[in-house]
Amino acid sequence: MMHILPPGKSAVRIQELAQDVLMFVGDQVESVATAFVNGDQVLLVDALGSEEDAAWLREVLQGQMGKRVRLVAATHFMSDHICGMTLFPEALTLAHRHHRHAFLSQNRPVASFYRDPDIVFDNFAMRWGATSCASCTTQAKRWTT
């Protein structure tokens, strides 16, 4: 596990799950974002749960690693998963068709984290580099590398 520590941070972590698959674990809110890297492009699944953690995620991916986030997919549309979506305005966003219901049903939705998804799905399968994904209406998902 790598530790890339921005000023004033103590527990932000990056773990390599597989070749070209990195898991980022937030500090302010212990949520995760997973980056699937394909050359200089990234598919990001979830976007951490605090503004500070999400800003750090963007700095690492785009600033330090020189990658471009092309797509941000939300496993579900709750604030602890979507905070960083607004920090990647050039990326397309992907969410299940019940995203708005999920967002509004949480205990403390943070309106500033909300971003309408560009792509809404019910069932889908996709491939990103060496990684494939399948999802269905129950929002269960399966990622394989």
Foldseek 3Di string as FASTA:
>chain_A
DDDDDDPPDDDWDWDDPDVQWIWTAFDVDGDIKIWRDDPQETEIEFQAADPVRNVVVCCVNCPVVVHQYAEYEYLAQARRGQQNVVVRVNHAYEYEPCRVVRQVPDPDRDVVSDDDGPYYDAWDWDDDHPKIKTAHNVSDIDIDD
